[in-house]
Amino acid sequence: MYGINNSTIKEKILILAAEIIYLIIAYYLLFVTYDNPGISLGLFIALIITALRLTAMMFIWLPRGIAWQKAIMNSLAFGIYYLGFPILMITSNQDPNLTVLIVGWILFF
């Protein structure tokens, strides 16, 4: 894992492609199947910020290579994160509590 010194750009592109696919699915879940556009927009912005941070970390701040196995597992883990929160929000039959949202955004930043 730590001995890979080449750039392994193909593995990083796989992770980036998976992130983009997950964001497209999350957009569909949040804006097509869920009927609260304000809450959907807030969560989608948080997902975009997370995707930008992870992509910058991978291409700029992570000079070491990534093995194919780790790239695949990271892609699956990102899928759980990017799709898990929208699915949890859609399947809960409650309107989000404003206090919980504010605390969540504070913790996010």
N, C-alpha and C. Protein backbone atom coordinates (compact mmCIF):
# COMPACT_ATOMS: atom_id res chain seq x y z
N MET A 1 0.82 -1.19 0.00
CA MET A 1 0.00 0.00 0.00
C MET A 1 0.86 1.25 0.00
N TYR A 2 1.85 1.32 0.87
CA TYR A 2 2.66 2.54 0.95
C TYR A 2 3.89 2.47 0.06
N GLY A 3 4.17 1.31 -0.56
CA GLY A 3 5.36 1.16 -1.37
C GLY A 3 5.17 1.53 -2.82
N ILE A 4 3.97 1.93 -3.22
CA ILE A 4 3.70 2.27 -4.62
C ILE A 4 4.17 3.70 -4.85
N ASN A 5 5.16 3.85 -5.72
CA ASN A 5 5.73 5.17 -5.95
C ASN A 5 5.30 5.79 -7.27
N ASN A 6 4.74 5.00 -8.19
CA ASN A 6 4.30 5.59 -9.45
C ASN A 6 2.95 6.28 -9.26
N SER A 7 2.52 7.02 -10.26
CA SER A 7 1.36 7.90 -10.08
C SER A 7 0.02 7.15 -10.06
N THR A 8 -0.07 5.99 -10.66
CA THR A 8 -1.31 5.20 -10.74
C THR A 8 -2.51 6.06 -11.11
N ILE A 9 -2.39 6.79 -12.20
CA ILE A 9 -3.45 7.71 -12.62
C ILE A 9 -4.72 6.97 -13.01
N LYS A 10 -4.61 5.76 -13.57
CA LYS A 10 -5.80 5.02 -13.97
C LYS A 10 -6.67 4.67 -12.77
N GLU A 11 -6.05 4.29 -11.68
CA GLU A 11 -6.79 3.96 -10.47
C GLU A 11 -7.49 5.18 -9.91
N LYS A 12 -6.81 6.32 -9.95
CA LYS A 12 -7.41 7.55 -9.45
C LYS A 12 -8.56 8.02 -10.35
N ILE A 13 -8.43 7.80 -11.64
CA ILE A 13 -9.51 8.16 -12.57
C ILE A 13 -10.72 7.26 -12.33
N LEU A 14 -10.49 5.99 -11.99
CA LEU A 14 -11.60 5.09 -11.65
C LEU A 14 -12.38 5.64 -10.45
N ILE A 15 -11.67 6.07 -9.43
CA ILE A 15 -12.34 6.64 -8.25
C ILE A 15 -13.10 7.90 -8.62
N LEU A 16 -12.50 8.76 -9.44
CA LEU A 16 -13.16 9.99 -9.87
C LEU A 16 -14.42 9.68 -10.67
N ALA A 17 -14.34 8.72 -11.59
CA ALA A 17 -15.51 8.34 -12.39
C ALA A 17 -16.62 7.80 -11.49
N ALA A 18 -16.25 7.00 -10.51
CA ALA A 18 -17.26 6.47 -9.57
C ALA A 18 -17.91 7.61 -8.80
N GLU A 19 -17.11 8.59 -8.36
CA GLU A 19 -17.67 9.74 -7.64
C GLU A 19 -18.68 10.49 -8.50
N ILE A 20 -18.36 10.69 -9.76
CA ILE A 20 -19.26 11.41 -10.67
C ILE A 20 -20.56 10.64 -10.85
N ILE A 21 -20.45 9.33 -11.04
CA ILE A 21 -21.65 8.50 -11.18
C ILE A 21 -22.51 8.57 -9.92
N TYR A 22 -21.87 8.48 -8.76
CA TYR A 22 -22.61 8.56 -7.50
C TYR A 22 -23.29 9.90 -7.34
N LEU A 23 -22.64 10.99 -7.74
CA LEU A 23 -23.24 12.31 -7.63
C LEU A 23 -24.44 12.45 -8.57
N ILE A 24 -24.36 11.85 -9.75
CA ILE A 24 -25.50 11.89 -10.68
C ILE A 24 -26.69 11.13 -10.07
N ILE A 25 -26.43 9.97 -9.50
CA ILE A 25 -27.50 9.20 -8.86
C ILE A 25 -28.06 9.96 -7.66
N ALA A 26 -27.18 10.57 -6.87
CA ALA A 26 -27.63 11.35 -5.72
C ALA A 26 -28.50 12.52 -6.17
N TYR A 27 -28.11 13.18 -7.26
CA TYR A 27 -28.92 14.27 -7.80
C TYR A 27 -30.32 13.77 -8.16
N TYR A 28 -30.37 12.64 -8.84
CA TYR A 28 -31.67 12.06 -9.20
C TYR A 28 -32.50 11.76 -7.95
N LEU A 29 -31.87 11.13 -6.97
CA LEU A 29 -32.60 10.79 -5.74
C LEU A 29 -33.11 12.03 -5.02
N LEU A 30 -32.29 13.06 -4.95
CA LEU A 30 -32.64 14.24 -4.17
C LEU A 30 -33.62 15.17 -4.87
N PHE A 31 -33.48 15.33 -6.18
CA PHE A 31 -34.28 16.34 -6.87
C PHE A 31 -35.43 15.76 -7.69
N VAL A 32 -35.41 14.47 -7.96
CA VAL A 32 -36.51 13.88 -8.74
C VAL A 32 -37.45 13.10 -7.83
N THR A 33 -36.90 12.37 -6.86
CA THR A 33 -37.76 11.52 -6.04
C THR A 33 -38.11 12.14 -4.69
N TYR A 34 -37.44 13.20 -4.28
CA TYR A 34 -37.70 13.82 -2.98
C TYR A 34 -38.31 15.19 -3.21
N ASP A 35 -39.31 15.57 -2.44
CA ASP A 35 -40.07 16.77 -2.72
C ASP A 35 -39.75 17.97 -1.82
N ASN A 36 -38.55 18.03 -1.27
CA ASN A 36 -38.16 19.17 -0.45
C ASN A 36 -36.89 19.78 -1.06
N PRO A 37 -37.06 20.71 -2.01
CA PRO A 37 -35.88 21.20 -2.75
C PRO A 37 -34.86 21.93 -1.90
N GLY A 38 -35.28 22.61 -0.84
CA GLY A 38 -34.33 23.33 0.01
C GLY A 38 -33.39 22.37 0.73
N ILE A 39 -33.95 21.34 1.32
CA ILE A 39 -33.14 20.35 2.02
C ILE A 39 -32.28 19.57 1.03
N SER A 40 -32.86 19.24 -0.12
CA SER A 40 -32.11 18.50 -1.14
C SER A 40 -30.91 19.30 -1.62
N LEU A 41 -31.11 20.58 -1.83
CA LEU A 41 -30.01 21.43 -2.29
C LEU A 41 -28.89 21.49 -1.26
N GLY A 42 -29.25 21.61 0.00
CA GLY A 42 -28.24 21.66 1.05
C GLY A 42 -27.41 20.39 1.12
N LEU A 43 -28.06 19.25 1.05
CA LEU A 43 -27.33 17.99 1.09
C LEU A 43 -26.49 17.80 -0.16
N PHE A 44 -27.03 18.20 -1.32
CA PHE A 44 -26.27 18.04 -2.55
C PHE A 44 -25.03 18.94 -2.57
N ILE A 45 -25.15 20.14 -2.04
CA ILE A 45 -23.98 21.03 -1.93
C ILE A 45 -22.93 20.39 -1.02
N ALA A 46 -23.35 19.80 0.08
CA ALA A 46 -22.40 19.11 0.98
C ALA A 46 -21.71 17.96 0.25
N LEU A 47 -22.46 17.23 -0.57
CA LEU A 47 -21.86 16.12 -1.33
C LEU A 47 -20.86 16.64 -2.37
N ILE A 48 -21.18 17.75 -3.02
CA ILE A 48 -20.25 18.34 -4.00
C ILE A 48 -18.97 18.81 -3.31
N ILE A 49 -19.11 19.48 -2.17
CA ILE A 49 -17.93 19.94 -1.42
C ILE A 49 -17.06 18.74 -1.03
N THR A 50 -17.70 17.68 -0.57
CA THR A 50 -16.96 16.47 -0.19
C THR A 50 -16.25 15.87 -1.40
N ALA A 51 -16.94 15.82 -2.54
CA ALA A 51 -16.33 15.26 -3.75
C ALA A 51 -15.13 16.10 -4.19
N LEU A 52 -15.25 17.41 -4.13
CA LEU A 52 -14.12 18.27 -4.50
C LEU A 52 -12.94 18.08 -3.56
N ARG A 53 -13.24 17.97 -2.27
CA ARG A 53 -12.16 17.77 -1.29
C ARG A 53 -11.46 16.43 -1.51
N LEU A 54 -12.23 15.38 -1.72
CA LEU A 54 -11.63 14.06 -1.92
C LEU A 54 -10.85 13.99 -3.23
N THR A 55 -11.37 14.62 -4.26
CA THR A 55 -10.67 14.63 -5.55
C THR A 55 -9.36 15.42 -5.46
N ALA A 56 -9.40 16.57 -4.79
CA ALA A 56 -8.18 17.35 -4.61
C ALA A 56 -7.16 16.57 -3.78
N MET A 57 -7.63 15.89 -2.74
CA MET A 57 -6.73 15.09 -1.93
C MET A 57 -6.07 14.00 -2.77
N MET A 58 -6.85 13.38 -3.60
CA MET A 58 -6.35 12.25 -4.38
C MET A 58 -5.34 12.69 -5.45
N PHE A 59 -5.62 13.77 -6.16
CA PHE A 59 -4.76 14.18 -7.26
C PHE A 59 -3.66 15.16 -6.86
N ILE A 60 -3.87 15.95 -5.81
CA ILE A 60 -2.89 16.98 -5.44
C ILE A 60 -2.09 16.58 -4.21
N TRP A 61 -2.77 16.18 -3.14
CA TRP A 61 -2.09 15.98 -1.86
C TRP A 61 -1.68 14.54 -1.59
N LEU A 62 -2.02 13.63 -2.48
CA LEU A 62 -1.66 12.22 -2.28
C LEU A 62 -0.71 11.80 -3.39
N PRO A 63 0.57 12.06 -3.21
CA PRO A 63 1.51 11.77 -4.30
C PRO A 63 1.77 10.28 -4.52
N ARG A 64 1.55 9.47 -3.50
CA ARG A 64 1.81 8.04 -3.66
C ARG A 64 0.72 7.40 -4.52
N GLY A 65 1.03 6.23 -5.02
CA GLY A 65 0.08 5.52 -5.85
C GLY A 65 -0.98 4.79 -5.03
N ILE A 66 -2.01 4.36 -5.74
CA ILE A 66 -3.10 3.60 -5.14
C ILE A 66 -3.19 2.27 -5.89
N ALA A 67 -3.24 1.18 -5.16
CA ALA A 67 -3.39 -0.13 -5.78
C ALA A 67 -4.82 -0.28 -6.31
N TRP A 68 -4.99 -1.15 -7.31
CA TRP A 68 -6.33 -1.37 -7.89
C TRP A 68 -7.32 -1.82 -6.83
N GLN A 69 -6.91 -2.71 -5.94
CA GLN A 69 -7.82 -3.21 -4.91
C GLN A 69 -8.29 -2.06 -4.02
N LYS A 70 -7.38 -1.20 -3.63
CA LYS A 70 -7.73 -0.06 -2.78
C LYS A 70 -8.60 0.93 -3.56
N ALA A 71 -8.34 1.12 -4.84
CA ALA A 71 -9.16 2.02 -5.65
C ALA A 71 -10.60 1.51 -5.74
N ILE A 72 -10.76 0.22 -5.92
CA ILE A 72 -12.11 -0.35 -6.00
C ILE A 72 -12.82 -0.24 -4.66
N MET A 73 -12.11 -0.58 -3.58
CA MET A 73 -12.73 -0.51 -2.26
C MET A 73 -13.07 0.93 -1.87
N ASN A 74 -12.20 1.88 -2.20
CA ASN A 74 -12.49 3.29 -1.92
C ASN A 74 -13.71 3.75 -2.72
N SER A 75 -13.81 3.31 -3.97
CA SER A 75 -14.96 3.68 -4.80
C SER A 75 -16.25 3.17 -4.17
N LEU A 76 -16.25 1.94 -3.68
CA LEU A 76 -17.44 1.40 -3.03
C LEU A 76 -17.75 2.14 -1.73
N ALA A 77 -16.73 2.49 -0.97
CA ALA A 77 -16.94 3.24 0.27
C ALA A 77 -17.53 4.62 -0.04
N PHE A 78 -17.04 5.28 -1.08
CA PHE A 78 -17.60 6.57 -1.46
C PHE A 78 -19.06 6.42 -1.87
N GLY A 79 -19.40 5.31 -2.52
CA GLY A 79 -20.79 5.07 -2.90
C GLY A 79 -21.70 4.99 -1.70
N ILE A 80 -21.24 4.34 -0.65
CA ILE A 80 -22.04 4.25 0.58
C ILE A 80 -22.26 5.65 1.15
N TYR A 81 -21.24 6.48 1.10
CA TYR A 81 -21.34 7.83 1.64
C TYR A 81 -22.23 8.71 0.76
N TYR A 82 -21.94 8.74 -0.55
CA TYR A 82 -22.67 9.63 -1.45
C TYR A 82 -24.13 9.23 -1.64
N LEU A 83 -24.43 7.97 -1.55
CA LEU A 83 -25.81 7.52 -1.76
C LEU A 83 -26.52 7.21 -0.44
N GLY A 84 -25.77 6.92 0.59
CA GLY A 84 -26.38 6.56 1.87
C GLY A 84 -27.17 7.70 2.48
N PHE A 85 -26.60 8.89 2.52
CA PHE A 85 -27.30 10.02 3.12
C PHE A 85 -28.56 10.41 2.35
N PRO A 86 -28.52 10.51 1.02
CA PRO A 86 -29.78 10.79 0.31
C PRO A 86 -30.83 9.70 0.51
N ILE A 87 -30.43 8.44 0.52
CA ILE A 87 -31.40 7.37 0.71
C ILE A 87 -32.00 7.43 2.11
N LEU A 88 -31.16 7.69 3.11
CA LEU A 88 -31.69 7.83 4.47
C LEU A 88 -32.67 8.99 4.58
N MET A 89 -32.37 10.08 3.92
CA MET A 89 -33.24 11.24 3.98
C MET A 89 -34.56 10.96 3.27
N ILE A 90 -34.52 10.30 2.14
CA ILE A 90 -35.73 10.02 1.37
C ILE A 90 -36.61 9.01 2.10
N THR A 91 -36.01 8.00 2.69
CA THR A 91 -36.81 6.94 3.31
C THR A 91 -37.34 7.30 4.68
N SER A 92 -36.77 8.32 5.32
CA SER A 92 -37.35 8.76 6.60
C SER A 92 -38.61 9.55 6.29
N ASN A 93 -39.65 9.27 6.97
CA ASN A 93 -40.95 9.89 6.69
C ASN A 93 -41.18 11.13 7.53
N GLN A 94 -40.10 11.81 7.89
CA GLN A 94 -40.22 12.99 8.73
C GLN A 94 -39.54 14.17 8.04
N ASP A 95 -40.04 15.35 8.32
CA ASP A 95 -39.35 16.55 7.88
C ASP A 95 -38.16 16.77 8.79
N PRO A 96 -37.01 17.17 8.24
CA PRO A 96 -35.83 17.37 9.08
C PRO A 96 -36.04 18.50 10.08
N ASN A 97 -35.48 18.32 11.25
CA ASN A 97 -35.52 19.31 12.31
C ASN A 97 -34.50 20.41 12.00
N LEU A 98 -34.91 21.66 12.07
CA LEU A 98 -34.02 22.78 11.74
C LEU A 98 -32.80 22.82 12.65
N THR A 99 -32.97 22.54 13.91
CA THR A 99 -31.84 22.54 14.86
C THR A 99 -30.82 21.47 14.48
N VAL A 100 -31.31 20.29 14.12
CA VAL A 100 -30.41 19.21 13.72
C VAL A 100 -29.67 19.59 12.45
N LEU A 101 -30.35 20.24 11.51
CA LEU A 101 -29.69 20.68 10.28
C LEU A 101 -28.58 21.70 10.55
N ILE A 102 -28.85 22.64 11.42
CA ILE A 102 -27.85 23.66 11.75
C ILE A 102 -26.63 23.02 12.42
N VAL A 103 -26.88 22.15 13.37
CA VAL A 103 -25.77 21.45 14.04
C VAL A 103 -25.00 20.59 13.04
N GLY A 104 -25.71 19.94 12.14
CA GLY A 104 -25.05 19.13 11.11
C GLY A 104 -24.15 19.96 10.21
N TRP A 105 -24.63 21.12 9.76
CA TRP A 105 -23.80 21.98 8.92
C TRP A 105 -22.58 22.50 9.68
N ILE A 106 -22.76 22.85 10.95
CA ILE A 106 -21.62 23.31 11.76
C ILE A 106 -20.57 22.21 11.86
N LEU A 107 -21.02 20.99 12.13
CA LEU A 107 -20.08 19.87 12.21
C LEU A 107 -19.43 19.57 10.88
N PHE A 108 -20.17 19.74 9.79
CA PHE A 108 -19.63 19.50 8.45
C PHE A 108 -18.48 20.45 8.15
N PHE A 109 -18.68 21.74 8.48
CA PHE A 109 -17.61 22.70 8.21
C PHE A 109 -16.50 22.58 9.23
